[in-house]
Amino acid sequence: MCIGEQSYNFEPPKVSKNSYNRWHHRLAEARLKTAYSSVEMIGRVYIYLMKDSVPIGYWWANATEFIDPSPQYRWCIMKADKAIGTLKHDHEAGMI
């Protein structure tokens, strides 16, 4: 996963069976350095599900959704990237 110039790599999932994978991983809070002068200028933030170096699924939100200092936990449903065609159904992309 990349945020700006910062990359994050994850170990293999802790649980993996059939088409289910679970990592049980949360990133530590961090500040993002960027050339944008406001959060509104960033626009959308995309998180990609990768297979090797190919993005096969995604989730997006407006950057302004990440500024709450006390956010509630929530499940975000990812979408299958139909242009790639690796995943046939959205539910195969999973949730974050």
PDB file of N, CA and C in Angstrom:
ATOM      1  N   MET A   1       0.853  -1.159   0.000  1.00  0.00           N
ATOM      2  CA  MET A   1       0.000   0.000   0.000  1.00  0.00           C
ATOM      3  C   MET A   1       0.903   1.227   0.000  1.00  0.00           C
ATOM      4  N   CYS A   2       0.545   2.246  -0.748  1.00  0.00           N
ATOM      5  CA  CYS A   2       1.302   3.495  -0.798  1.00  0.00           C
ATOM      6  C   CYS A   2       0.407   4.658  -0.408  1.00  0.00           C
ATOM      7  N   ILE A   3       0.948   5.529   0.409  1.00  0.00           N
ATOM      8  CA  ILE A   3       0.286   6.784   0.739  1.00  0.00           C
ATOM      9  C   ILE A   3       1.323   7.855   0.459  1.00  0.00           C
ATOM     10  N   GLY A   4       1.084   8.645  -0.568  1.00  0.00           N
ATOM     11  CA  GLY A   4       2.092   9.607  -0.992  1.00  0.00           C
ATOM     12  C   GLY A   4       3.342   8.853  -1.408  1.00  0.00           C
ATOM     13  N   GLU A   5       4.458   9.203  -0.823  1.00  0.00           N
ATOM     14  CA  GLU A   5       5.722   8.524  -1.114  1.00  0.00           C
ATOM     15  C   GLU A   5       5.995   7.377  -0.152  1.00  0.00           C
ATOM     16  N   GLN A   6       5.122   7.190   0.850  1.00  0.00           N
ATOM     17  CA  GLN A   6       5.320   6.157   1.864  1.00  0.00           C
ATOM     18  C   GLN A   6       4.659   4.848   1.432  1.00  0.00           C
ATOM     19  N   SER A   7       5.418   3.743   1.455  1.00  0.00           N
ATOM     20  CA  SER A   7       4.891   2.429   1.091  1.00  0.00           C
ATOM     21  C   SER A   7       4.739   1.554   2.331  1.00  0.00           C
ATOM     22  N   TYR A   8       3.717   0.710   2.324  1.00  0.00           N
ATOM     23  CA  TYR A   8       3.477  -0.246   3.399  1.00  0.00           C
ATOM     24  C   TYR A   8       3.315  -1.625   2.779  1.00  0.00           C
ATOM     25  N   ASN A   9       4.062  -2.585   3.304  1.00  0.00           N
ATOM     26  CA  ASN A   9       3.936  -3.972   2.855  1.00  0.00           C
ATOM     27  C   ASN A   9       3.458  -4.805   4.030  1.00  0.00           C
ATOM     28  N   PHE A  10       2.618  -5.781   3.741  1.00  0.00           N
ATOM     29  CA  PHE A  10       2.046  -6.605   4.787  1.00  0.00           C
ATOM     30  C   PHE A  10       2.495  -8.047   4.654  1.00  0.00           C
ATOM     31  N   GLU A  11       2.584  -8.717   5.785  1.00  0.00           N
ATOM     32  CA  GLU A  11       2.912 -10.139   5.815  1.00  0.00           C
ATOM     33  C   GLU A  11       1.733 -10.926   5.227  1.00  0.00           C
ATOM     34  N   PRO A  12       1.913 -12.210   4.939  1.00  0.00           N
ATOM     35  CA  PRO A  12       0.774 -13.025   4.478  1.00  0.00           C
ATOM     36  C   PRO A  12      -0.344 -13.001   5.525  1.00  0.00           C
ATOM     37  N   PRO A  13      -1.588 -13.260   5.109  1.00  0.00           N
ATOM     38  CA  PRO A  13      -2.716 -13.198   6.049  1.00  0.00           C
ATOM     39  C   PRO A  13      -2.564 -14.189   7.197  1.00  0.00           C
ATOM     40  N   LYS A  14      -3.094 -13.820   8.371  1.00  0.00           N
ATOM     41  CA  LYS A  14      -3.052 -14.700   9.535  1.00  0.00           C
ATOM     42  C   LYS A  14      -4.052 -15.836   9.390  1.00  0.00           C
ATOM     43  N   VAL A  15      -5.155 -15.589   8.679  1.00  0.00           N
ATOM     44  CA  VAL A  15      -6.168 -16.608   8.394  1.00  0.00           C
ATOM     45  C   VAL A  15      -6.381 -16.625   6.894  1.00  0.00           C
ATOM     46  N   SER A  16      -6.329 -17.800   6.300  1.00  0.00           N
ATOM     47  CA  SER A  16      -6.542 -17.918   4.856  1.00  0.00           C
ATOM     48  C   SER A  16      -7.188 -19.253   4.564  1.00  0.00           C
ATOM     49  N   LYS A  17      -8.458 -19.215   4.093  1.00  0.00           N
ATOM     50  CA  LYS A  17      -9.158 -20.441   3.730  1.00  0.00           C
ATOM     51  C   LYS A  17     -10.192 -20.127   2.669  1.00  0.00           C
ATOM     52  N   ASN A  18     -10.344 -21.021   1.733  1.00  0.00           N
ATOM     53  CA  ASN A  18     -11.215 -20.812   0.582  1.00  0.00           C
ATOM     54  C   ASN A  18     -10.883 -19.457  -0.039  1.00  0.00           C
ATOM     55  N   SER A  19     -11.830 -18.553  -0.142  1.00  0.00           N
ATOM     56  CA  SER A  19     -11.538 -17.225  -0.694  1.00  0.00           C
ATOM     57  C   SER A  19     -11.525 -16.164   0.400  1.00  0.00           C
ATOM     58  N   TYR A  20     -11.292 -16.599   1.645  1.00  0.00           N
ATOM     59  CA  TYR A  20     -11.301 -15.689   2.795  1.00  0.00           C
ATOM     60  C   TYR A  20      -9.881 -15.478   3.302  1.00  0.00           C
ATOM     61  N   ASN A  21      -9.480 -14.224   3.462  1.00  0.00           N
ATOM     62  CA  ASN A  21      -8.190 -13.872   4.047  1.00  0.00           C
ATOM     63  C   ASN A  21      -8.401 -12.815   5.107  1.00  0.00           C
ATOM     64  N   ARG A  22      -7.673 -12.939   6.211  1.00  0.00           N
ATOM     65  CA  ARG A  22      -7.774 -11.927   7.266  1.00  0.00           C
ATOM     66  C   ARG A  22      -6.372 -11.628   7.778  1.00  0.00           C
ATOM     67  N   TRP A  23      -6.040 -10.329   7.823  1.00  0.00           N
ATOM     68  CA  TRP A  23      -4.697  -9.917   8.222  1.00  0.00           C
ATOM     69  C   TRP A  23      -4.597  -9.504   9.682  1.00  0.00           C
ATOM     70  N   HIS A  24      -5.659  -8.985  10.276  1.00  0.00           N
ATOM     71  CA  HIS A  24      -5.620  -8.471  11.652  1.00  0.00           C
ATOM     72  C   HIS A  24      -4.503  -7.438  11.798  1.00  0.00           C
ATOM     73  N   HIS A  25      -4.484  -6.452  10.938  1.00  0.00           N
ATOM     74  CA  HIS A  25      -3.399  -5.466  10.966  1.00  0.00           C
ATOM     75  C   HIS A  25      -3.972  -4.057  10.909  1.00  0.00           C
ATOM     76  N   ARG A  26      -3.468  -3.212  11.772  1.00  0.00           N
ATOM     77  CA  ARG A  26      -3.834  -1.801  11.740  1.00  0.00           C
ATOM     78  C   ARG A  26      -2.564  -0.993  11.647  1.00  0.00           C
ATOM     79  N   LEU A  27      -2.595   0.055  10.855  1.00  0.00           N
ATOM     80  CA  LEU A  27      -1.448   0.944  10.720  1.00  0.00           C
ATOM     81  C   LEU A  27      -1.409   1.904  11.896  1.00  0.00           C
ATOM     82  N   ALA A  28      -0.219   2.247  12.305  1.00  0.00           N
ATOM     83  CA  ALA A  28      -0.061   3.251  13.354  1.00  0.00           C
ATOM     84  C   ALA A  28      -0.450   4.618  12.786  1.00  0.00           C
ATOM     85  N   GLU A  29      -0.906   5.489  13.653  1.00  0.00           N
ATOM     86  CA  GLU A  29      -1.245   6.846  13.216  1.00  0.00           C
ATOM     87  C   GLU A  29       0.012   7.533  12.699  1.00  0.00           C
ATOM     88  N   ALA A  30      -0.125   8.224  11.601  1.00  0.00           N
ATOM     89  CA  ALA A  30       1.025   8.916  11.010  1.00  0.00           C
ATOM     90  C   ALA A  30       0.551  10.193  10.334  1.00  0.00           C
ATOM     91  N   ARG A  31       1.435  11.130  10.219  1.00  0.00           N
ATOM     92  CA  ARG A  31       1.146  12.375   9.501  1.00  0.00           C
ATOM     93  C   ARG A  31       1.648  12.231   8.084  1.00  0.00           C
ATOM     94  N   LEU A  32       0.871  12.712   7.145  1.00  0.00           N
ATOM     95  CA  LEU A  32       1.216  12.653   5.726  1.00  0.00           C
ATOM     96  C   LEU A  32       1.755  14.004   5.285  1.00  0.00           C
ATOM     97  N   LYS A  33       2.944  14.014   4.717  1.00  0.00           N
ATOM     98  CA  LYS A  33       3.506  15.239   4.155  1.00  0.00           C
ATOM     99  C   LYS A  33       3.154  15.274   2.678  1.00  0.00           C
ATOM    100  N   THR A  34       2.622  16.397   2.233  1.00  0.00           N
ATOM    101  CA  THR A  34       2.162  16.511   0.859  1.00  0.00           C
ATOM    102  C   THR A  34       2.327  17.944   0.358  1.00  0.00           C
ATOM    103  N   ALA A  35       2.287  18.090  -0.941  1.00  0.00           N
ATOM    104  CA  ALA A  35       2.393  19.425  -1.546  1.00  0.00           C
ATOM    105  C   ALA A  35       1.068  20.179  -1.512  1.00  0.00           C
ATOM    106  N   TYR A  36      -0.047  19.496  -1.190  1.00  0.00           N
ATOM    107  CA  TYR A  36      -1.349  20.150  -1.150  1.00  0.00           C
ATOM    108  C   TYR A  36      -1.427  21.104   0.041  1.00  0.00           C
ATOM    109  N   SER A  37      -2.081  22.243  -0.154  1.00  0.00           N
ATOM    110  CA  SER A  37      -2.200  23.224   0.929  1.00  0.00           C
ATOM    111  C   SER A  37      -3.434  22.990   1.795  1.00  0.00           C
ATOM    112  N   SER A  38      -4.349  22.097   1.366  1.00  0.00           N
ATOM    113  CA  SER A  38      -5.517  21.769   2.183  1.00  0.00           C
ATOM    114  C   SER A  38      -5.959  20.338   1.872  1.00  0.00           C
ATOM    115  N   VAL A  39      -6.660  19.756   2.816  1.00  0.00           N
ATOM    116  CA  VAL A  39      -7.165  18.390   2.638  1.00  0.00           C
ATOM    117  C   VAL A  39      -8.155  18.342   1.478  1.00  0.00           C
ATOM    118  N   GLU A  40      -8.953  19.376   1.321  1.00  0.00           N
ATOM    119  CA  GLU A  40      -9.951  19.407   0.240  1.00  0.00           C
ATOM    120  C   GLU A  40      -9.298  19.310  -1.140  1.00  0.00           C
ATOM    121  N   MET A  41      -8.091  19.819  -1.290  1.00  0.00           N
ATOM    122  CA  MET A  41      -7.408  19.788  -2.579  1.00  0.00           C
ATOM    123  C   MET A  41      -6.944  18.375  -2.968  1.00  0.00           C
ATOM    124  N   ILE A  42      -6.810  17.495  -1.988  1.00  0.00           N
ATOM    125  CA  ILE A  42      -6.351  16.130  -2.278  1.00  0.00           C
ATOM    126  C   ILE A  42      -7.383  15.380  -3.110  1.00  0.00           C
ATOM    127  N   GLY A  43      -8.659  15.598  -2.807  1.00  0.00           N
ATOM    128  CA  GLY A  43      -9.708  14.897  -3.546  1.00  0.00           C
ATOM    129  C   GLY A  43      -9.929  13.492  -3.001  1.00  0.00           C
ATOM    130  N   ARG A  44      -9.899  12.508  -3.859  1.00  0.00           N
ATOM    131  CA  ARG A  44     -10.153  11.122  -3.457  1.00  0.00           C
ATOM    132  C   ARG A  44      -8.884  10.403  -3.006  1.00  0.00           C
ATOM    133  N   VAL A  45      -9.089   9.488  -2.072  1.00  0.00           N
ATOM    134  CA  VAL A  45      -8.039   8.581  -1.609  1.00  0.00           C
ATOM    135  C   VAL A  45      -8.467   7.182  -2.043  1.00  0.00           C
ATOM    136  N   TYR A  46      -7.568   6.468  -2.715  1.00  0.00           N
ATOM    137  CA  TYR A  46      -7.852   5.112  -3.174  1.00  0.00           C
ATOM    138  C   TYR A  46      -7.009   4.115  -2.402  1.00  0.00           C
ATOM    139  N   ILE A  47      -7.611   2.998  -2.041  1.00  0.00           N
ATOM    140  CA  ILE A  47      -6.890   1.867  -1.459  1.00  0.00           C
ATOM    141  C   ILE A  47      -7.101   0.702  -2.413  1.00  0.00           C
ATOM    142  N   TYR A  48      -6.002   0.076  -2.832  1.00  0.00           N
ATOM    143  CA  TYR A  48      -6.067  -0.985  -3.828  1.00  0.00           C
ATOM    144  C   TYR A  48      -5.756  -2.350  -3.236  1.00  0.00           C
ATOM    145  N   LEU A  49      -6.473  -3.365  -3.692  1.00  0.00           N
ATOM    146  CA  LEU A  49      -6.156  -4.761  -3.433  1.00  0.00           C
ATOM    147  C   LEU A  49      -5.276  -5.196  -4.594  1.00  0.00           C
ATOM    148  N   MET A  50      -4.062  -5.652  -4.272  1.00  0.00           N
ATOM    149  CA  MET A  50      -3.096  -5.979  -5.312  1.00  0.00           C
ATOM    150  C   MET A  50      -2.893  -7.492  -5.427  1.00  0.00           C
ATOM    151  N   LYS A  51      -2.687  -7.946  -6.638  1.00  0.00           N
ATOM    152  CA  LYS A  51      -2.218  -9.305  -6.897  1.00  0.00           C
ATOM    153  C   LYS A  51      -0.906  -9.124  -7.640  1.00  0.00           C
ATOM    154  N   ASP A  52       0.194  -9.427  -6.951  1.00  0.00           N
ATOM    155  CA  ASP A  52       1.527  -9.087  -7.429  1.00  0.00           C
ATOM    156  C   ASP A  52       1.567  -7.569  -7.610  1.00  0.00           C
ATOM    157  N   SER A  53       1.791  -7.057  -8.792  1.00  0.00           N
ATOM    158  CA  SER A  53       1.835  -5.604  -8.981  1.00  0.00           C
ATOM    159  C   SER A  53       0.605  -5.081  -9.718  1.00  0.00           C
ATOM    160  N   VAL A  54      -0.468  -5.875  -9.792  1.00  0.00           N
ATOM    161  CA  VAL A  54      -1.677  -5.496 -10.523  1.00  0.00           C
ATOM    162  C   VAL A  54      -2.806  -5.177  -9.541  1.00  0.00           C
ATOM    163  N   PRO A  55      -3.407  -3.970  -9.624  1.00  0.00           N
ATOM    164  CA  PRO A  55      -4.545  -3.650  -8.758  1.00  0.00           C
ATOM    165  C   PRO A  55      -5.806  -4.370  -9.249  1.00  0.00           C
ATOM    166  N   ILE A  56      -6.348  -5.284  -8.425  1.00  0.00           N
ATOM    167  CA  ILE A  56      -7.511  -6.073  -8.849  1.00  0.00           C
ATOM    168  C   ILE A  56      -8.798  -5.656  -8.146  1.00  0.00           C
ATOM    169  N   GLY A  57      -8.685  -4.815  -7.130  1.00  0.00           N
ATOM    170  CA  GLY A  57      -9.849  -4.316  -6.419  1.00  0.00           C
ATOM    171  C   GLY A  57      -9.502  -2.980  -5.786  1.00  0.00           C
ATOM    172  N   TYR A  58     -10.524  -2.233  -5.384  1.00  0.00           N
ATOM    173  CA  TYR A  58     -10.266  -0.900  -4.825  1.00  0.00           C
ATOM    174  C   TYR A  58     -11.405  -0.448  -3.926  1.00  0.00           C
ATOM    175  N   TRP A  59     -11.106   0.563  -3.137  1.00  0.00           N
ATOM    176  CA  TRP A  59     -12.084   1.308  -2.348  1.00  0.00           C
ATOM    177  C   TRP A  59     -11.633   2.756  -2.387  1.00  0.00           C
ATOM    178  N   TRP A  60     -12.556   3.687  -2.402  1.00  0.00           N
ATOM    179  CA  TRP A  60     -12.174   5.097  -2.394  1.00  0.00           C
ATOM    180  C   TRP A  60     -13.072   5.892  -1.462  1.00  0.00           C
ATOM    181  N   ALA A  61     -12.507   7.015  -1.013  1.00  0.00           N
ATOM    182  CA  ALA A  61     -13.256   7.967  -0.191  1.00  0.00           C
ATOM    183  C   ALA A  61     -12.649   9.345  -0.429  1.00  0.00           C
ATOM    184  N   ASN A  62     -13.377  10.368  -0.105  1.00  0.00           N
ATOM    185  CA  ASN A  62     -12.829  11.719  -0.168  1.00  0.00           C
ATOM    186  C   ASN A  62     -11.844  11.896   0.977  1.00  0.00           C
ATOM    187  N   ALA A  63     -10.762  12.591   0.723  1.00  0.00           N
ATOM    188  CA  ALA A  63      -9.718  12.798   1.736  1.00  0.00           C
ATOM    189  C   ALA A  63     -10.276  13.451   2.994  1.00  0.00           C
ATOM    190  N   THR A  64     -11.320  14.240   2.857  1.00  0.00           N
ATOM    191  CA  THR A  64     -11.909  14.913   4.019  1.00  0.00           C
ATOM    192  C   THR A  64     -12.501  13.917   5.018  1.00  0.00           C
ATOM    193  N   GLU A  65     -12.744  12.681   4.604  1.00  0.00           N
ATOM    194  CA  GLU A  65     -13.265  11.667   5.525  1.00  0.00           C
ATOM    195  C   GLU A  65     -12.200  11.188   6.513  1.00  0.00           C
ATOM    196  N   PHE A  66     -10.947  11.593   6.329  1.00  0.00           N
ATOM    197  CA  PHE A  66      -9.857  11.121   7.175  1.00  0.00           C
ATOM    198  C   PHE A  66      -9.366  12.162   8.176  1.00  0.00           C
ATOM    199  N   ILE A  67     -10.103  13.248   8.353  1.00  0.00           N
ATOM    200  CA  ILE A  67      -9.615  14.311   9.236  1.00  0.00           C
ATOM    201  C   ILE A  67     -10.240  14.298  10.628  1.00  0.00           C
ATOM    202  N   ASP A  68     -11.184  13.428  10.886  1.00  0.00           N
ATOM    203  CA  ASP A  68     -11.810  13.338  12.206  1.00  0.00           C
ATOM    204  C   ASP A  68     -10.772  12.830  13.212  1.00  0.00           C
ATOM    205  N   PRO A  69     -10.479  13.581  14.277  1.00  0.00           N
ATOM    206  CA  PRO A  69      -9.471  13.134  15.244  1.00  0.00           C
ATOM    207  C   PRO A  69      -9.930  11.948  16.097  1.00  0.00           C
ATOM    208  N   SER A  70     -11.222  11.668  16.124  1.00  0.00           N
ATOM    209  CA  SER A  70     -11.763  10.531  16.886  1.00  0.00           C
ATOM    210  C   SER A  70     -12.736   9.741  16.004  1.00  0.00           C
ATOM    211  N   PRO A  71     -12.251   9.121  14.933  1.00  0.00           N
ATOM    212  CA  PRO A  71     -13.166   8.446  14.005  1.00  0.00           C
ATOM    213  C   PRO A  71     -13.744   7.156  14.590  1.00  0.00           C
ATOM    214  N   GLN A  72     -14.891   6.787  14.106  1.00  0.00           N
ATOM    215  CA  GLN A  72     -15.507   5.512  14.460  1.00  0.00           C
ATOM    216  C   GLN A  72     -14.943   4.440  13.529  1.00  0.00           C
ATOM    217  N   TYR A  73     -14.768   3.225  14.048  1.00  0.00           N
ATOM    218  CA  TYR A  73     -14.361   2.128  13.190  1.00  0.00           C
ATOM    219  C   TYR A  73     -15.518   1.774  12.271  1.00  0.00           C
ATOM    220  N   ARG A  74     -15.200   1.371  11.050  1.00  0.00           N
ATOM    221  CA  ARG A  74     -16.241   0.958  10.116  1.00  0.00           C
ATOM    222  C   ARG A  74     -15.643  -0.018   9.113  1.00  0.00           C
ATOM    223  N   TRP A  75     -16.499  -0.816   8.525  1.00  0.00           N
ATOM    224  CA  TRP A  75     -16.102  -1.726   7.456  1.00  0.00           C
ATOM    225  C   TRP A  75     -16.374  -1.044   6.132  1.00  0.00           C
ATOM    226  N   CYS A  76     -15.403  -1.084   5.232  1.00  0.00           N
ATOM    227  CA  CYS A  76     -15.535  -0.475   3.912  1.00  0.00           C
ATOM    228  C   CYS A  76     -15.474  -1.582   2.874  1.00  0.00           C
ATOM    229  N   ILE A  77     -16.499  -1.694   2.049  1.00  0.00           N
ATOM    230  CA  ILE A  77     -16.589  -2.760   1.051  1.00  0.00           C
ATOM    231  C   ILE A  77     -15.834  -2.352  -0.206  1.00  0.00           C
ATOM    232  N   MET A  78     -14.874  -3.186  -0.586  1.00  0.00           N
ATOM    233  CA  MET A  78     -14.077  -2.909  -1.780  1.00  0.00           C
ATOM    234  C   MET A  78     -14.841  -3.357  -3.030  1.00  0.00           C
ATOM    235  N   LYS A  79     -14.434  -2.848  -4.169  1.00  0.00           N
ATOM    236  CA  LYS A  79     -15.033  -3.184  -5.460  1.00  0.00           C
ATOM    237  C   LYS A  79     -14.031  -3.970  -6.293  1.00  0.00           C
ATOM    238  N   ALA A  80     -14.519  -4.931  -7.054  1.00  0.00           N
ATOM    239  CA  ALA A  80     -13.675  -5.647  -8.014  1.00  0.00           C
ATOM    240  C   ALA A  80     -13.396  -4.705  -9.183  1.00  0.00           C
ATOM    241  N   ASP A  81     -12.166  -4.671  -9.653  1.00  0.00           N
ATOM    242  CA  ASP A  81     -11.834  -3.855 -10.823  1.00  0.00           C
ATOM    243  C   ASP A  81     -12.226  -4.653 -12.062  1.00  0.00           C
ATOM    244  N   LYS A  82     -13.372  -4.342 -12.619  1.00  0.00           N
ATOM    245  CA  LYS A  82     -13.923  -5.087 -13.764  1.00  0.00           C
ATOM    246  C   LYS A  82     -13.043  -4.953 -15.011  1.00  0.00           C
ATOM    247  N   ALA A  83     -12.279  -3.870 -15.117  1.00  0.00           N
ATOM    248  CA  ALA A  83     -11.401  -3.694 -16.272  1.00  0.00           C
ATOM    249  C   ALA A  83     -10.267  -4.719 -16.267  1.00  0.00           C
ATOM    250  N   ILE A  84      -9.859  -5.152 -15.086  1.00  0.00           N
ATOM    251  CA  ILE A  84      -8.796  -6.158 -14.966  1.00  0.00           C
ATOM    252  C   ILE A  84      -9.381  -7.553 -15.137  1.00  0.00           C
ATOM    253  N   GLY A  85     -10.529  -7.808 -14.495  1.00  0.00           N
ATOM    254  CA  GLY A  85     -11.237  -9.076 -14.673  1.00  0.00           C
ATOM    255  C   GLY A  85     -10.757 -10.236 -13.825  1.00  0.00           C
ATOM    256  N   THR A  86      -9.826 -10.014 -12.904  1.00  0.00           N
ATOM    257  CA  THR A  86      -9.366 -11.097 -12.030  1.00  0.00           C
ATOM    258  C   THR A  86     -10.467 -11.536 -11.089  1.00  0.00           C
ATOM    259  N   LEU A  87     -11.205 -10.576 -10.534  1.00  0.00           N
ATOM    260  CA  LEU A  87     -12.331 -10.847  -9.639  1.00  0.00           C
ATOM    261  C   LEU A  87     -13.618 -10.646 -10.423  1.00  0.00           C
ATOM    262  N   LYS A  88     -14.505 -11.607 -10.341  1.00  0.00           N
ATOM    263  CA  LYS A  88     -15.767 -11.510 -11.081  1.00  0.00           C
ATOM    264  C   LYS A  88     -16.838 -10.752 -10.301  1.00  0.00           C
ATOM    265  N   HIS A  89     -16.772 -10.798  -8.966  1.00  0.00           N
ATOM    266  CA  HIS A  89     -17.814 -10.197  -8.129  1.00  0.00           C
ATOM    267  C   HIS A  89     -17.177  -9.291  -7.078  1.00  0.00           C
ATOM    268  N   ASP A  90     -17.883  -8.222  -6.702  1.00  0.00           N
ATOM    269  CA  ASP A  90     -17.359  -7.290  -5.716  1.00  0.00           C
ATOM    270  C   ASP A  90     -17.025  -7.975  -4.393  1.00  0.00           C
ATOM    271  N   HIS A  91     -17.858  -8.916  -3.949  1.00  0.00           N
ATOM    272  CA  HIS A  91     -17.611  -9.545  -2.643  1.00  0.00           C
ATOM    273  C   HIS A  91     -16.256 -10.272  -2.598  1.00  0.00           C
ATOM    274  N   GLU A  92     -15.710 -10.614  -3.758  1.00  0.00           N
ATOM    275  CA  GLU A  92     -14.403 -11.273  -3.789  1.00  0.00           C
ATOM    276  C   GLU A  92     -13.262 -10.301  -3.465  1.00  0.00           C
ATOM    277  N   ALA A  93     -13.521  -8.994  -3.587  1.00  0.00           N
ATOM    278  CA  ALA A  93     -12.488  -7.998  -3.274  1.00  0.00           C
ATOM    279  C   ALA A  93     -12.334  -7.803  -1.774  1.00  0.00           C
ATOM    280  N   GLY A  94     -13.361  -8.110  -1.012  1.00  0.00           N
ATOM    281  CA  GLY A  94     -13.271  -8.058   0.443  1.00  0.00           C
ATOM    282  C   GLY A  94     -13.643  -6.717   1.040  1.00  0.00           C
ATOM    283  N   MET A  95     -13.279  -6.563   2.313  1.00  0.00           N
ATOM    284  CA  MET A  95     -13.570  -5.350   3.068  1.00  0.00           C
ATOM    285  C   MET A  95     -12.316  -4.911   3.802  1.00  0.00           C
ATOM    286  N   ILE A  96     -12.257  -3.614   4.067  1.00  0.00           N
ATOM    287  CA  ILE A  96     -11.164  -3.079   4.887  1.00  0.00           C
ATOM    288  C   ILE A  96     -11.766  -2.353   6.064  1.00  0.00           C
TER     289      ILE A  96
END
